[in-house]
Amino acid sequence: MSKLDITIHYGAPTKPTILLIHGLGMDKNIWLNPYDSRILAGRFPITILLNEKPDLIRLEPDKNFNLSKLSIGKKPEELRTIYHDLKEEDFSIITWSQKRPSEPI
């Protein structure tokens, strides 16, 4: 059995413990560090889905296309998840990166 990549935040003992489970193909960074999360088999950062609309560029038919003008938009300044909100409210939180489906916890 491989070592589990787990994060535990110990909050107030009077509050319930929250278990955050990531989706298929993701890891615990989706909760902890969304800027480090990648989607589509790790090919793209998750921010491509969350960016603000890029500026409109006008292409002139008589000029060569300049690839450097393309943009996927501006990244959000801060990405907060439910993990950050629950931690701020002093809940205990457990999350981990599961490497294989049905891997034991």
C-alpha atoms as a PDB file:
ATOM      1  CA  MET A   1       0.000   0.000   0.000  1.00  0.00           C
ATOM      2  CA  SER A   2       1.339   3.441  -0.947  1.00  0.00           C
ATOM      3  CA  LYS A   3       1.598   6.358   1.464  1.00  0.00           C
ATOM      4  CA  LEU A   4      -1.553   8.457   1.436  1.00  0.00           C
ATOM      5  CA  ASP A   5      -1.213  12.111   0.372  1.00  0.00           C
ATOM      6  CA  ILE A   6      -3.495  13.510   3.073  1.00  0.00           C
ATOM      7  CA  THR A   7      -4.164  16.912   4.632  1.00  0.00           C
ATOM      8  CA  ILE A   8      -5.906  17.244   7.977  1.00  0.00           C
ATOM      9  CA  HIS A   9      -6.956  20.532   9.525  1.00  0.00           C
ATOM     10  CA  TYR A  10      -7.824  20.179  13.202  1.00  0.00           C
ATOM     11  CA  GLY A  11     -10.629  22.565  14.077  1.00  0.00           C
ATOM     12  CA  ALA A  12     -12.902  22.973  17.067  1.00  0.00           C
ATOM     13  CA  PRO A  13     -13.682  19.619  18.713  1.00  0.00           C
ATOM     14  CA  THR A  14     -17.329  20.659  19.136  1.00  0.00           C
ATOM     15  CA  LYS A  15     -17.874  20.983  15.376  1.00  0.00           C
ATOM     16  CA  PRO A  16     -18.283  18.084  12.946  1.00  0.00           C
ATOM     17  CA  THR A  17     -15.391  16.871  10.804  1.00  0.00           C
ATOM     18  CA  ILE A  18     -15.804  17.528   7.080  1.00  0.00           C
ATOM     19  CA  LEU A  19     -14.487  15.072   4.484  1.00  0.00           C
ATOM     20  CA  LEU A  20     -13.686  16.610   1.075  1.00  0.00           C
ATOM     21  CA  ILE A  21     -13.406  14.130  -1.791  1.00  0.00           C
ATOM     22  CA  HIS A  22     -12.079  15.173  -5.195  1.00  0.00           C
ATOM     23  CA  GLY A  23     -13.486  14.016  -8.516  1.00  0.00           C
ATOM     24  CA  LEU A  24     -12.052  11.556 -10.999  1.00  0.00           C
ATOM     25  CA  GLY A  25      -8.758  12.727 -12.467  1.00  0.00           C
ATOM     26  CA  MET A  26      -8.287  15.407  -9.806  1.00  0.00           C
ATOM     27  CA  ASP A  27      -6.337  15.583  -6.555  1.00  0.00           C
ATOM     28  CA  LYS A  28      -6.668  17.355  -3.211  1.00  0.00           C
ATOM     29  CA  ASN A  29      -5.354  20.584  -4.768  1.00  0.00           C
ATOM     30  CA  ILE A  30      -8.845  21.188  -6.137  1.00  0.00           C
ATOM     31  CA  TRP A  31      -9.729  22.066  -2.516  1.00  0.00           C
ATOM     32  CA  LEU A  32      -6.411  23.331  -1.109  1.00  0.00           C
ATOM     33  CA  ASN A  33      -4.604  25.078  -3.988  1.00  0.00           C
ATOM     34  CA  PRO A  34      -6.956  25.456  -6.954  1.00  0.00           C
ATOM     35  CA  TYR A  35      -4.301  27.412  -8.877  1.00  0.00           C
ATOM     36  CA  ASP A  36      -2.228  24.192  -8.911  1.00  0.00           C
ATOM     37  CA  SER A  37      -5.140  22.020 -10.073  1.00  0.00           C
ATOM     38  CA  ARG A  38      -5.179  20.724 -13.616  1.00  0.00           C
ATOM     39  CA  ILE A  39      -8.015  19.342 -15.748  1.00  0.00           C
ATOM     40  CA  LEU A  40      -8.400  17.161 -18.836  1.00  0.00           C
ATOM     41  CA  ALA A  41      -5.770  14.586 -17.888  1.00  0.00           C
ATOM     42  CA  GLY A  42      -3.479  17.273 -16.460  1.00  0.00           C
ATOM     43  CA  ARG A  43      -3.169  19.177 -19.726  1.00  0.00           C
ATOM     44  CA  PHE A  44      -4.689  22.499 -18.656  1.00  0.00           C
ATOM     45  CA  PRO A  45      -4.856  24.568 -15.467  1.00  0.00           C
ATOM     46  CA  ILE A  46      -8.347  24.831 -14.001  1.00  0.00           C
ATOM     47  CA  THR A  47      -8.127  28.605 -14.351  1.00  0.00           C
ATOM     48  CA  ILE A  48      -8.912  28.336 -18.078  1.00  0.00           C
ATOM     49  CA  LEU A  49     -12.511  27.731 -16.966  1.00  0.00           C
ATOM     50  CA  LEU A  50     -12.504  30.564 -14.425  1.00  0.00           C
ATOM     51  CA  ASN A  51     -10.660  33.366 -16.199  1.00  0.00           C
ATOM     52  CA  GLU A  52     -12.277  36.693 -16.926  1.00  0.00           C
ATOM     53  CA  LYS A  53     -13.213  37.341 -20.536  1.00  0.00           C
ATOM     54  CA  PRO A  54     -10.128  38.295 -22.598  1.00  0.00           C
ATOM     55  CA  ASP A  55      -9.892  41.588 -24.439  1.00  0.00           C
ATOM     56  CA  LEU A  56     -11.277  41.580 -27.962  1.00  0.00           C
ATOM     57  CA  ILE A  57      -8.591  41.637 -30.655  1.00  0.00           C
ATOM     58  CA  ARG A  58      -9.189  42.749 -34.198  1.00  0.00           C
ATOM     59  CA  LEU A  59      -7.479  40.913 -36.995  1.00  0.00           C
ATOM     60  CA  GLU A  60      -6.502  42.879 -40.050  1.00  0.00           C
ATOM     61  CA  PRO A  61      -6.775  40.856 -43.259  1.00  0.00           C
ATOM     62  CA  ASP A  62      -3.629  42.302 -44.819  1.00  0.00           C
ATOM     63  CA  LYS A  63      -1.363  41.568 -41.823  1.00  0.00           C
ATOM     64  CA  ASN A  64       0.152  38.325 -40.603  1.00  0.00           C
ATOM     65  CA  PHE A  65      -1.579  36.663 -37.671  1.00  0.00           C
ATOM     66  CA  ASN A  66       0.276  37.243 -34.395  1.00  0.00           C
ATOM     67  CA  LEU A  67      -0.217  34.274 -32.059  1.00  0.00           C
ATOM     68  CA  SER A  68       1.115  36.237 -29.075  1.00  0.00           C
ATOM     69  CA  LYS A  69      -2.055  38.367 -29.095  1.00  0.00           C
ATOM     70  CA  LEU A  70      -4.241  35.377 -28.196  1.00  0.00           C
ATOM     71  CA  SER A  71      -5.310  35.121 -24.574  1.00  0.00           C
ATOM     72  CA  ILE A  72      -7.493  32.861 -22.455  1.00  0.00           C
ATOM     73  CA  GLY A  73      -8.226  35.847 -20.222  1.00  0.00           C
ATOM     74  CA  LYS A  74      -7.105  37.181 -16.876  1.00  0.00           C
ATOM     75  CA  LYS A  75      -6.774  34.805 -13.912  1.00  0.00           C
ATOM     76  CA  PRO A  76      -8.930  35.564 -10.893  1.00  0.00           C
ATOM     77  CA  GLU A  77      -6.939  37.333  -8.175  1.00  0.00           C
ATOM     78  CA  GLU A  78      -7.991  34.824  -5.517  1.00  0.00           C
ATOM     79  CA  LEU A  79      -9.433  31.334  -5.785  1.00  0.00           C
ATOM     80  CA  ARG A  80     -11.193  30.264  -2.595  1.00  0.00           C
ATOM     81  CA  THR A  81     -12.919  26.955  -2.134  1.00  0.00           C
ATOM     82  CA  ILE A  82     -15.233  25.528   0.476  1.00  0.00           C
ATOM     83  CA  TYR A  83     -12.068  24.245   2.201  1.00  0.00           C
ATOM     84  CA  HIS A  84     -10.965  27.820   2.933  1.00  0.00           C
ATOM     85  CA  ASP A  85     -14.438  28.802   4.173  1.00  0.00           C
ATOM     86  CA  LEU A  86     -14.753  25.764   6.462  1.00  0.00           C
ATOM     87  CA  LYS A  87     -11.225  26.272   7.807  1.00  0.00           C
ATOM     88  CA  GLU A  88     -12.041  29.904   8.572  1.00  0.00           C
ATOM     89  CA  GLU A  89     -15.118  28.700  10.509  1.00  0.00           C
ATOM     90  CA  ASP A  90     -12.850  26.314  12.486  1.00  0.00           C
ATOM     91  CA  PHE A  91     -14.252  23.000  11.238  1.00  0.00           C
ATOM     92  CA  SER A  92     -11.996  19.949  11.185  1.00  0.00           C
ATOM     93  CA  ILE A  93     -11.338  18.977   7.558  1.00  0.00           C
ATOM     94  CA  ILE A  94      -9.828  15.895   5.943  1.00  0.00           C
ATOM     95  CA  THR A  95      -8.913  15.653   2.269  1.00  0.00           C
ATOM     96  CA  TRP A  96      -6.485  13.475   0.327  1.00  0.00           C
ATOM     97  CA  SER A  97      -5.284  12.647  -3.164  1.00  0.00           C
ATOM     98  CA  GLN A  98      -6.511   9.263  -4.277  1.00  0.00           C
ATOM     99  CA  LYS A  99      -4.203   7.751  -6.890  1.00  0.00           C
ATOM    100  CA  ARG A 100      -6.342   4.805  -8.024  1.00  0.00           C
ATOM    101  CA  PRO A 101     -10.103   4.207  -7.980  1.00  0.00           C
ATOM    102  CA  SER A 102     -11.186   2.230  -4.915  1.00  0.00           C
ATOM    103  CA  GLU A 103      -7.818   2.737  -3.195  1.00  0.00           C
ATOM    104  CA  PRO A 104      -8.126   2.280   0.578  1.00  0.00           C
ATOM    105  CA  ILE A 105      -8.130   5.349   2.786  1.00  0.00           C
END
